[in-house]
């Protein structure tokens, strides 16, 4: 399922609720593009949809990232960290 709202756009699934995006789908989008504008757009989207926790979650609501599932989701956090590390090493982003 593809969802788009004011906070983000991406793939999610009905088992977590309609209108919830998987941050892992955004990470995979970043990992599979060479378009630098797209990379920055989705890195910023990931940053801005952490529900003010500093962590990636299983999912977030397309219009309100403060509504999310799994406060701690190691899989998404690990993928996010690996993505950021790779982007820094490739000079795609600067921290």
PDB file of N, CA and C in Angstrom:
ATOM      1  N   UNK A   1       0.827  -1.170   0.000  1.00  0.00           N
ATOM      2  CA  UNK A   1       0.000   0.000   0.000  1.00  0.00           C
ATOM      3  C   UNK A   1       0.881   1.246   0.000  1.00  0.00           C
ATOM      4  N   UNK A   2       0.522   2.221  -0.806  1.00  0.00           N
ATOM      5  CA  UNK A   2       1.239   3.486  -0.840  1.00  0.00           C
ATOM      6  C   UNK A   2       0.358   4.542  -0.189  1.00  0.00           C
ATOM      7  N   UNK A   3       0.938   5.260   0.756  1.00  0.00           N
ATOM      8  CA  UNK A   3       0.223   6.319   1.454  1.00  0.00           C
ATOM      9  C   UNK A   3       0.971   7.635   1.281  1.00  0.00           C
ATOM     10  N   UNK A   4       0.212   8.723   1.190  1.00  0.00           N
ATOM     11  CA  UNK A   4       0.812  10.048   1.076  1.00  0.00           C
ATOM     12  C   UNK A   4       0.004  11.012   1.929  1.00  0.00           C
ATOM     13  N   UNK A   5       0.717  11.799   2.735  1.00  0.00           N
ATOM     14  CA  UNK A   5       0.059  12.773   3.592  1.00  0.00           C
ATOM     15  C   UNK A   5       0.947  13.977   3.801  1.00  0.00           C
ATOM     16  N   UNK A   6       0.612  14.785   4.783  1.00  0.00           N
ATOM     17  CA  UNK A   6       1.361  16.015   5.021  1.00  0.00           C
ATOM     18  C   UNK A   6       2.731  15.759   5.650  1.00  0.00           C
ATOM     19  N   UNK A   7       2.902  14.643   6.342  1.00  0.00           N
ATOM     20  CA  UNK A   7       4.172  14.347   6.998  1.00  0.00           C
ATOM     21  C   UNK A   7       5.092  13.482   6.147  1.00  0.00           C
ATOM     22  N   UNK A   8       4.519  12.742   5.216  1.00  0.00           N
ATOM     23  CA  UNK A   8       5.360  11.861   4.421  1.00  0.00           C
ATOM     24  C   UNK A   8       4.593  11.071   3.396  1.00  0.00           C
ATOM     25  N   UNK A   9       5.362  10.303   2.633  1.00  0.00           N
ATOM     26  CA  UNK A   9       4.782   9.419   1.631  1.00  0.00           C
ATOM     27  C   UNK A   9       5.636   8.166   1.554  1.00  0.00           C
ATOM     28  N   UNK A  10       4.973   7.034   1.414  1.00  0.00           N
ATOM     29  CA  UNK A  10       5.721   5.791   1.321  1.00  0.00           C
ATOM     30  C   UNK A  10       4.822   4.582   1.465  1.00  0.00           C
ATOM     31  N   UNK A  11       5.464   3.449   1.552  1.00  0.00           N
ATOM     32  CA  UNK A  11       4.768   2.165   1.605  1.00  0.00           C
ATOM     33  C   UNK A  11       4.491   1.792   3.058  1.00  0.00           C
ATOM     34  N   UNK A  12       3.323   1.218   3.268  1.00  0.00           N
ATOM     35  CA  UNK A  12       2.933   0.674   4.567  1.00  0.00           C
ATOM     36  C   UNK A  12       2.078  -0.547   4.328  1.00  0.00           C
ATOM     37  N   UNK A  13       1.459  -1.051   5.356  1.00  0.00           N
ATOM     38  CA  UNK A  13       0.629  -2.236   5.193  1.00  0.00           C
ATOM     39  C   UNK A  13      -0.546  -2.231   6.144  1.00  0.00           C
ATOM     40  N   UNK A  14      -1.587  -2.966   5.811  1.00  0.00           N
ATOM     41  CA  UNK A  14      -2.812  -2.926   6.610  1.00  0.00           C
ATOM     42  C   UNK A  14      -2.675  -3.546   8.001  1.00  0.00           C
ATOM     43  N   UNK A  15      -1.684  -4.380   8.238  1.00  0.00           N
ATOM     44  CA  UNK A  15      -1.588  -5.007   9.560  1.00  0.00           C
ATOM     45  C   UNK A  15      -1.207  -4.015  10.653  1.00  0.00           C
ATOM     46  N   UNK A  16      -0.681  -2.852  10.281  1.00  0.00           N
ATOM     47  CA  UNK A  16      -0.366  -1.829  11.284  1.00  0.00           C
ATOM     48  C   UNK A  16      -1.384  -0.698  11.271  1.00  0.00           C
ATOM     49  N   UNK A  17      -2.265  -0.709  10.290  1.00  0.00           N
ATOM     50  CA  UNK A  17      -3.289   0.320  10.168  1.00  0.00           C
ATOM     51  C   UNK A  17      -3.120   1.111   8.883  1.00  0.00           C
ATOM     52  N   UNK A  18      -4.211   1.444   8.272  1.00  0.00           N
ATOM     53  CA  UNK A  18      -4.157   2.232   7.045  1.00  0.00           C
ATOM     54  C   UNK A  18      -3.674   3.642   7.363  1.00  0.00           C
ATOM     55  N   UNK A  19      -2.851   4.177   6.471  1.00  0.00           N
ATOM     56  CA  UNK A  19      -2.326   5.516   6.652  1.00  0.00           C
ATOM     57  C   UNK A  19      -1.037   5.563   7.451  1.00  0.00           C
ATOM     58  N   UNK A  20      -0.429   4.429   7.688  1.00  0.00           N
ATOM     59  CA  UNK A  20       0.852   4.374   8.396  1.00  0.00           C
ATOM     60  C   UNK A  20       1.948   3.925   7.443  1.00  0.00           C
ATOM     61  N   UNK A  21       3.049   4.683   7.422  1.00  0.00           N
ATOM     62  CA  UNK A  21       4.174   4.435   6.523  1.00  0.00           C
ATOM     63  C   UNK A  21       5.292   3.739   7.291  1.00  0.00           C
ATOM     64  N   UNK A  22       5.935   2.790   6.634  1.00  0.00           N
ATOM     65  CA  UNK A  22       7.105   2.122   7.205  1.00  0.00           C
ATOM     66  C   UNK A  22       8.354   2.942   6.911  1.00  0.00           C
ATOM     67  N   UNK A  23       9.051   3.453   7.916  1.00  0.00           N
ATOM     68  CA  UNK A  23      10.321   4.132   7.658  1.00  0.00           C
ATOM     69  C   UNK A  23      11.298   3.266   6.859  1.00  0.00           C
ATOM     70  N   UNK A  24      11.235   1.949   7.053  1.00  0.00           N
ATOM     71  CA  UNK A  24      12.129   1.076   6.286  1.00  0.00           C
ATOM     72  C   UNK A  24      11.870   1.202   4.786  1.00  0.00           C
ATOM     73  N   UNK A  25      10.653   1.517   4.381  1.00  0.00           N
ATOM     74  CA  UNK A  25      10.383   1.699   2.949  1.00  0.00           C
ATOM     75  C   UNK A  25      11.054   2.969   2.443  1.00  0.00           C
ATOM     76  N   UNK A  26      11.143   3.990   3.298  1.00  0.00           N
ATOM     77  CA  UNK A  26      11.824   5.226   2.918  1.00  0.00           C
ATOM     78  C   UNK A  26      13.332   5.007   2.854  1.00  0.00           C
ATOM     79  N   UNK A  27      13.857   4.235   3.796  1.00  0.00           N
ATOM     80  CA  UNK A  27      15.286   3.917   3.796  1.00  0.00           C
ATOM     81  C   UNK A  27      15.652   3.157   2.526  1.00  0.00           C
ATOM     82  N   UNK A  28      14.832   2.194   2.140  1.00  0.00           N
ATOM     83  CA  UNK A  28      15.101   1.436   0.913  1.00  0.00           C
ATOM     84  C   UNK A  28      15.024   2.329  -0.318  1.00  0.00           C
ATOM     85  N   UNK A  29      14.128   3.303  -0.281  1.00  0.00           N
ATOM     86  CA  UNK A  29      14.052   4.249  -1.396  1.00  0.00           C
ATOM     87  C   UNK A  29      15.353   5.033  -1.523  1.00  0.00           C
ATOM     88  N   UNK A  30      15.884   5.493  -0.394  1.00  0.00           N
ATOM     89  CA  UNK A  30      17.164   6.209  -0.395  1.00  0.00           C
ATOM     90  C   UNK A  30      18.284   5.289  -0.884  1.00  0.00           C
ATOM     91  N   UNK A  31      18.263   4.051  -0.433  1.00  0.00           N
ATOM     92  CA  UNK A  31      19.327   3.108  -0.776  1.00  0.00           C
ATOM     93  C   UNK A  31      19.305   2.661  -2.232  1.00  0.00           C
ATOM     94  N   UNK A  32      18.219   2.923  -2.926  1.00  0.00           N
ATOM     95  CA  UNK A  32      18.108   2.414  -4.303  1.00  0.00           C
ATOM     96  C   UNK A  32      18.014   3.514  -5.351  1.00  0.00           C
ATOM     97  N   UNK A  33      18.363   4.735  -4.982  1.00  0.00           N
ATOM     98  CA  UNK A  33      18.348   5.824  -5.951  1.00  0.00           C
ATOM     99  C   UNK A  33      19.722   6.467  -6.035  1.00  0.00           C
ATOM    100  N   UNK A  34      19.994   7.073  -7.166  1.00  0.00           N
ATOM    101  CA  UNK A  34      21.217   7.867  -7.320  1.00  0.00           C
ATOM    102  C   UNK A  34      20.880   9.355  -7.420  1.00  0.00           C
ATOM    103  N   UNK A  35      19.592   9.674  -7.390  1.00  0.00           N
ATOM    104  CA  UNK A  35      19.116  11.051  -7.484  1.00  0.00           C
ATOM    105  C   UNK A  35      19.360  11.756  -6.154  1.00  0.00           C
ATOM    106  N   UNK A  36      20.283  12.712  -6.140  1.00  0.00           N
ATOM    107  CA  UNK A  36      20.667  13.371  -4.887  1.00  0.00           C
ATOM    108  C   UNK A  36      19.532  14.175  -4.265  1.00  0.00           C
ATOM    109  N   UNK A  37      18.660  14.765  -5.081  1.00  0.00           N
ATOM    110  CA  UNK A  37      17.498  15.487  -4.536  1.00  0.00           C
ATOM    111  C   UNK A  37      16.557  14.525  -3.831  1.00  0.00           C
ATOM    112  N   UNK A  38      16.336  13.365  -4.429  1.00  0.00           N
ATOM    113  CA  UNK A  38      15.472  12.359  -3.814  1.00  0.00           C
ATOM    114  C   UNK A  38      16.090  11.850  -2.511  1.00  0.00           C
ATOM    115  N   UNK A  39      17.400  11.633  -2.520  1.00  0.00           N
ATOM    116  CA  UNK A  39      18.087  11.189  -1.304  1.00  0.00           C
ATOM    117  C   UNK A  39      17.861  12.187  -0.180  1.00  0.00           C
ATOM    118  N   UNK A  40      18.124  13.463  -0.445  1.00  0.00           N
ATOM    119  CA  UNK A  40      17.961  14.479   0.599  1.00  0.00           C
ATOM    120  C   UNK A  40      16.515  14.610   1.053  1.00  0.00           C
ATOM    121  N   UNK A  41      15.587  14.549   0.111  1.00  0.00           N
ATOM    122  CA  UNK A  41      14.166  14.652   0.466  1.00  0.00           C
ATOM    123  C   UNK A  41      13.775  13.572   1.470  1.00  0.00           C
ATOM    124  N   UNK A  42      14.196  12.334   1.206  1.00  0.00           N
ATOM    125  CA  UNK A  42      13.759  11.245   2.071  1.00  0.00           C
ATOM    126  C   UNK A  42      14.593  11.122   3.344  1.00  0.00           C
ATOM    127  N   UNK A  43      15.840  11.566   3.322  1.00  0.00           N
ATOM    128  CA  UNK A  43      16.608  11.636   4.568  1.00  0.00           C
ATOM    129  C   UNK A  43      15.952  12.664   5.495  1.00  0.00           C
ATOM    130  N   UNK A  44      15.565  13.800   4.943  1.00  0.00           N
ATOM    131  CA  UNK A  44      14.878  14.816   5.754  1.00  0.00           C
ATOM    132  C   UNK A  44      13.521  14.308   6.243  1.00  0.00           C
ATOM    133  N   UNK A  45      12.811  13.578   5.388  1.00  0.00           N
ATOM    134  CA  UNK A  45      11.519  13.030   5.792  1.00  0.00           C
ATOM    135  C   UNK A  45      11.706  12.056   6.961  1.00  0.00           C
ATOM    136  N   UNK A  46      12.714  11.212   6.872  1.00  0.00           N
ATOM    137  CA  UNK A  46      12.989  10.283   7.970  1.00  0.00           C
ATOM    138  C   UNK A  46      13.323  11.051   9.252  1.00  0.00           C
ATOM    139  N   UNK A  47      14.158  12.057   9.129  1.00  0.00           N
ATOM    140  CA  UNK A  47      14.530  12.880  10.286  1.00  0.00           C
ATOM    141  C   UNK A  47      13.297  13.525  10.918  1.00  0.00           C
ATOM    142  N   UNK A  48      12.398  14.002  10.078  1.00  0.00           N
ATOM    143  CA  UNK A  48      11.258  14.779  10.552  1.00  0.00           C
ATOM    144  C   UNK A  48      10.071  13.941  11.004  1.00  0.00           C
ATOM    145  N   UNK A  49      10.151  12.627  10.859  1.00  0.00           N
ATOM    146  CA  UNK A  49       9.006  11.770  11.225  1.00  0.00           C
ATOM    147  C   UNK A  49       9.362  10.779  12.321  1.00  0.00           C
ATOM    148  N   UNK A  50      10.285  11.161  13.181  1.00  0.00           N
ATOM    149  CA  UNK A  50      10.689  10.276  14.277  1.00  0.00           C
ATOM    150  C   UNK A  50       9.807  10.437  15.515  1.00  0.00           C
ATOM    151  N   UNK A  51       8.770  11.253  15.420  1.00  0.00           N
ATOM    152  CA  UNK A  51       7.882  11.474  16.563  1.00  0.00           C
ATOM    153  C   UNK A  51       8.602  12.153  17.721  1.00  0.00           C
ATOM    154  N   UNK A  52       9.636  12.940  17.393  1.00  0.00           N
ATOM    155  CA  UNK A  52      10.442  13.647  18.399  1.00  0.00           C
ATOM    156  C   UNK A  52      11.098  12.705  19.401  1.00  0.00           C
ATOM    157  N   UNK A  53      11.439  11.496  18.955  1.00  0.00           N
ATOM    158  CA  UNK A  53      12.087  10.523  19.833  1.00  0.00           C
ATOM    159  C   UNK A  53      13.554  10.308  19.486  1.00  0.00           C
ATOM    160  N   UNK A  54      13.954  10.692  18.267  1.00  0.00           N
ATOM    161  CA  UNK A  54      15.316  10.430  17.832  1.00  0.00           C
ATOM    162  C   UNK A  54      15.517   9.029  17.301  1.00  0.00           C
ATOM    163  N   UNK A  55      14.430   8.264  17.180  1.00  0.00           N
ATOM    164  CA  UNK A  55      14.505   6.887  16.710  1.00  0.00           C
ATOM    165  C   UNK A  55      13.557   6.651  15.543  1.00  0.00           C
ATOM    166  N   UNK A  56      13.885   5.657  14.747  1.00  0.00           N
ATOM    167  CA  UNK A  56      12.970   5.188  13.713  1.00  0.00           C
ATOM    168  C   UNK A  56      11.974   4.240  14.375  1.00  0.00           C
ATOM    169  N   UNK A  57      10.782   4.208  13.833  1.00  0.00           N
ATOM    170  CA  UNK A  57       9.742   3.341  14.374  1.00  0.00           C
ATOM    171  C   UNK A  57       9.321   2.336  13.318  1.00  0.00           C
ATOM    172  N   UNK A  58       8.454   1.425  13.705  1.00  0.00           N
ATOM    173  CA  UNK A  58       7.909   0.473  12.727  1.00  0.00           C
ATOM    174  C   UNK A  58       7.129   1.230  11.662  1.00  0.00           C
ATOM    175  N   UNK A  59       6.369   2.236  12.095  1.00  0.00           N
ATOM    176  CA  UNK A  59       5.566   3.031  11.160  1.00  0.00           C
ATOM    177  C   UNK A  59       5.212   4.356  11.811  1.00  0.00           C
ATOM    178  N   UNK A  60       4.795   5.295  10.961  1.00  0.00           N
ATOM    179  CA  UNK A  60       4.278   6.571  11.458  1.00  0.00           C
ATOM    180  C   UNK A  60       3.069   6.960  10.620  1.00  0.00           C
ATOM    181  N   UNK A  61       2.187   7.751  11.213  1.00  0.00           N
ATOM    182  CA  UNK A  61       0.958   8.165  10.550  1.00  0.00           C
ATOM    183  C   UNK A  61       1.289   9.264   9.541  1.00  0.00           C
ATOM    184  N   UNK A  62       0.732   9.166   8.337  1.00  0.00           N
ATOM    185  CA  UNK A  62       1.102  10.053   7.224  1.00  0.00           C
ATOM    186  C   UNK A  62       0.902  11.536   7.516  1.00  0.00           C
ATOM    187  N   UNK A  63      -0.017  11.878   8.386  1.00  0.00           N
ATOM    188  CA  UNK A  63      -0.291  13.274   8.700  1.00  0.00           C
ATOM    189  C   UNK A  63       0.178  13.693  10.093  1.00  0.00           C
ATOM    190  N   UNK A  64       0.589  12.745  10.911  1.00  0.00           N
ATOM    191  CA  UNK A  64       0.997  13.056  12.283  1.00  0.00           C
ATOM    192  C   UNK A  64       2.069  12.070  12.736  1.00  0.00           C
ATOM    193  N   UNK A  65       3.348  12.421  12.551  1.00  0.00           N
ATOM    194  CA  UNK A  65       4.419  11.492  12.916  1.00  0.00           C
ATOM    195  C   UNK A  65       4.546  11.238  14.418  1.00  0.00           C
ATOM    196  N   UNK A  66       3.791  11.988  15.223  1.00  0.00           N
ATOM    197  CA  UNK A  66       3.771  11.701  16.657  1.00  0.00           C
ATOM    198  C   UNK A  66       2.931  10.472  16.964  1.00  0.00           C
ATOM    199  N   UNK A  67       2.191   9.991  15.974  1.00  0.00           N
ATOM    200  CA  UNK A  67       1.452   8.732  16.090  1.00  0.00           C
ATOM    201  C   UNK A  67       2.277   7.689  15.351  1.00  0.00           C
ATOM    202  N   UNK A  68       2.831   6.747  16.096  1.00  0.00           N
ATOM    203  CA  UNK A  68       3.700   5.748  15.497  1.00  0.00           C
ATOM    204  C   UNK A  68       3.519   4.409  16.198  1.00  0.00           C
ATOM    205  N   UNK A  69       4.040   3.369  15.584  1.00  0.00           N
ATOM    206  CA  UNK A  69       3.994   2.047  16.183  1.00  0.00           C
ATOM    207  C   UNK A  69       5.418   1.632  16.551  1.00  0.00           C
ATOM    208  N   UNK A  70       5.530   0.855  17.586  1.00  0.00           N
ATOM    209  CA  UNK A  70       6.792   0.352  18.134  1.00  0.00           C
ATOM    210  C   UNK A  70       7.762   1.479  18.466  1.00  0.00           C
ATOM    211  N   UNK A  71       7.715   1.896  19.698  1.00  0.00           N
ATOM    212  CA  UNK A  71       8.601   2.969  20.150  1.00  0.00           C
ATOM    213  C   UNK A  71      10.063   2.620  19.879  1.00  0.00           C
ATOM    214  N   UNK A  72      10.414   1.364  20.008  1.00  0.00           N
ATOM    215  CA  UNK A  72      11.780   0.912  19.720  1.00  0.00           C
ATOM    216  C   UNK A  72      11.686  -0.208  18.688  1.00  0.00           C
ATOM    217  N   UNK A  73      12.297   0.005  17.537  1.00  0.00           N
ATOM    218  CA  UNK A  73      12.271  -0.991  16.461  1.00  0.00           C
ATOM    219  C   UNK A  73      13.686  -1.095  15.909  1.00  0.00           C
ATOM    220  N   UNK A  74      14.462  -2.014  16.463  1.00  0.00           N
ATOM    221  CA  UNK A  74      15.897  -2.123  16.161  1.00  0.00           C
ATOM    222  C   UNK A  74      16.172  -2.311  14.674  1.00  0.00           C
ATOM    223  N   UNK A  75      15.328  -3.032  13.977  1.00  0.00           N
ATOM    224  CA  UNK A  75      15.547  -3.281  12.562  1.00  0.00           C
ATOM    225  C   UNK A  75      15.600  -1.962  11.782  1.00  0.00           C
ATOM    226  N   UNK A  76      14.602  -1.111  11.984  1.00  0.00           N
ATOM    227  CA  UNK A  76      14.563   0.177  11.282  1.00  0.00           C
ATOM    228  C   UNK A  76      15.701   1.087  11.738  1.00  0.00           C
ATOM    229  N   UNK A  77      16.002   1.092  13.028  1.00  0.00           N
ATOM    230  CA  UNK A  77      17.099   1.925  13.530  1.00  0.00           C
ATOM    231  C   UNK A  77      18.440   1.500  12.949  1.00  0.00           C
ATOM    232  N   UNK A  78      18.666   0.204  12.836  1.00  0.00           N
ATOM    233  CA  UNK A  78      19.918  -0.305  12.276  1.00  0.00           C
ATOM    234  C   UNK A  78      20.036   0.051  10.801  1.00  0.00           C
ATOM    235  N   UNK A  79      18.965  -0.148  10.042  1.00  0.00           N
ATOM    236  CA  UNK A  79      18.987   0.208   8.617  1.00  0.00           C
ATOM    237  C   UNK A  79      19.225   1.700   8.429  1.00  0.00           C
ATOM    238  N   UNK A  80      18.615   2.503   9.281  1.00  0.00           N
ATOM    239  CA  UNK A  80      18.805   3.952   9.196  1.00  0.00           C
ATOM    240  C   UNK A  80      20.273   4.316   9.456  1.00  0.00           C
ATOM    241  N   UNK A  81      20.845   3.751  10.505  1.00  0.00           N
ATOM    242  CA  UNK A  81      22.244   4.025  10.816  1.00  0.00           C
ATOM    243  C   UNK A  81      23.179   3.605   9.701  1.00  0.00           C
ATOM    244  N   UNK A  82      22.932   2.432   9.123  1.00  0.00           N
ATOM    245  CA  UNK A  82      23.749   1.971   8.002  1.00  0.00           C
ATOM    246  C   UNK A  82      23.606   2.894   6.798  1.00  0.00           C
ATOM    247  N   UNK A  83      22.389   3.366   6.548  1.00  0.00           N
ATOM    248  CA  UNK A  83      22.146   4.269   5.427  1.00  0.00           C
ATOM    249  C   UNK A  83      22.919   5.574   5.621  1.00  0.00           C
ATOM    250  N   UNK A  84      22.814   6.163   6.816  1.00  0.00           N
ATOM    251  CA  UNK A  84      23.514   7.418   7.096  1.00  0.00           C
ATOM    252  C   UNK A  84      25.021   7.229   6.968  1.00  0.00           C
ATOM    253  N   UNK A  85      25.545   6.148   7.518  1.00  0.00           N
ATOM    254  CA  UNK A  85      26.981   5.880   7.431  1.00  0.00           C
ATOM    255  C   UNK A  85      27.422   5.803   5.964  1.00  0.00           C
ATOM    256  N   UNK A  86      26.672   5.079   5.152  1.00  0.00           N
ATOM    257  CA  UNK A  86      27.013   4.935   3.734  1.00  0.00           C
ATOM    258  C   UNK A  86      26.959   6.285   3.020  1.00  0.00           C
ATOM    259  N   UNK A  87      25.935   7.069   3.280  1.00  0.00           N
ATOM    260  CA  UNK A  87      25.798   8.365   2.620  1.00  0.00           C
ATOM    261  C   UNK A  87      26.928   9.316   2.996  1.00  0.00           C
ATOM    262  N   UNK A  88      27.352   9.279   4.245  1.00  0.00           N
ATOM    263  CA  UNK A  88      28.480  10.109   4.673  1.00  0.00           C
ATOM    264  C   UNK A  88      29.761   9.631   3.976  1.00  0.00           C
ATOM    265  N   UNK A  89      29.981   8.318   3.956  1.00  0.00           N
ATOM    266  CA  UNK A  89      31.181   7.773   3.318  1.00  0.00           C
ATOM    267  C   UNK A  89      31.235   8.102   1.835  1.00  0.00           C
ATOM    268  N   UNK A  90      30.081   8.159   1.182  1.00  0.00           N
ATOM    269  CA  UNK A  90      30.012   8.464  -0.252  1.00  0.00           C
ATOM    270  C   UNK A  90      29.913   9.965  -0.528  1.00  0.00           C
ATOM    271  N   UNK A  91      30.009  10.771   0.530  1.00  0.00           N
ATOM    272  CA  UNK A  91      29.894  12.230   0.428  1.00  0.00           C
ATOM    273  C   UNK A  91      28.574  12.684  -0.197  1.00  0.00           C
ATOM    274  N   UNK A  92      27.504  11.948   0.060  1.00  0.00           N
ATOM    275  CA  UNK A  92      26.173  12.346  -0.410  1.00  0.00           C
ATOM    276  C   UNK A  92      25.529  13.335   0.560  1.00  0.00           C
ATOM    277  N   UNK A  93      25.880  13.201   1.846  1.00  0.00           N
ATOM    278  CA  UNK A  93      25.374  14.122   2.863  1.00  0.00           C
ATOM    279  C   UNK A  93      26.504  14.443   3.825  1.00  0.00           C
ATOM    280  N   UNK A  94      26.360  15.565   4.512  1.00  0.00           N
ATOM    281  CA  UNK A  94      27.301  15.947   5.557  1.00  0.00           C
ATOM    282  C   UNK A  94      26.528  16.130   6.845  1.00  0.00           C
ATOM    283  N   UNK A  95      27.115  15.676   7.914  1.00  0.00           N
ATOM    284  CA  UNK A  95      26.464  15.819   9.207  1.00  0.00           C
ATOM    285  C   UNK A  95      26.974  17.048   9.928  1.00  0.00           C
TER     286      UNK A  95
END
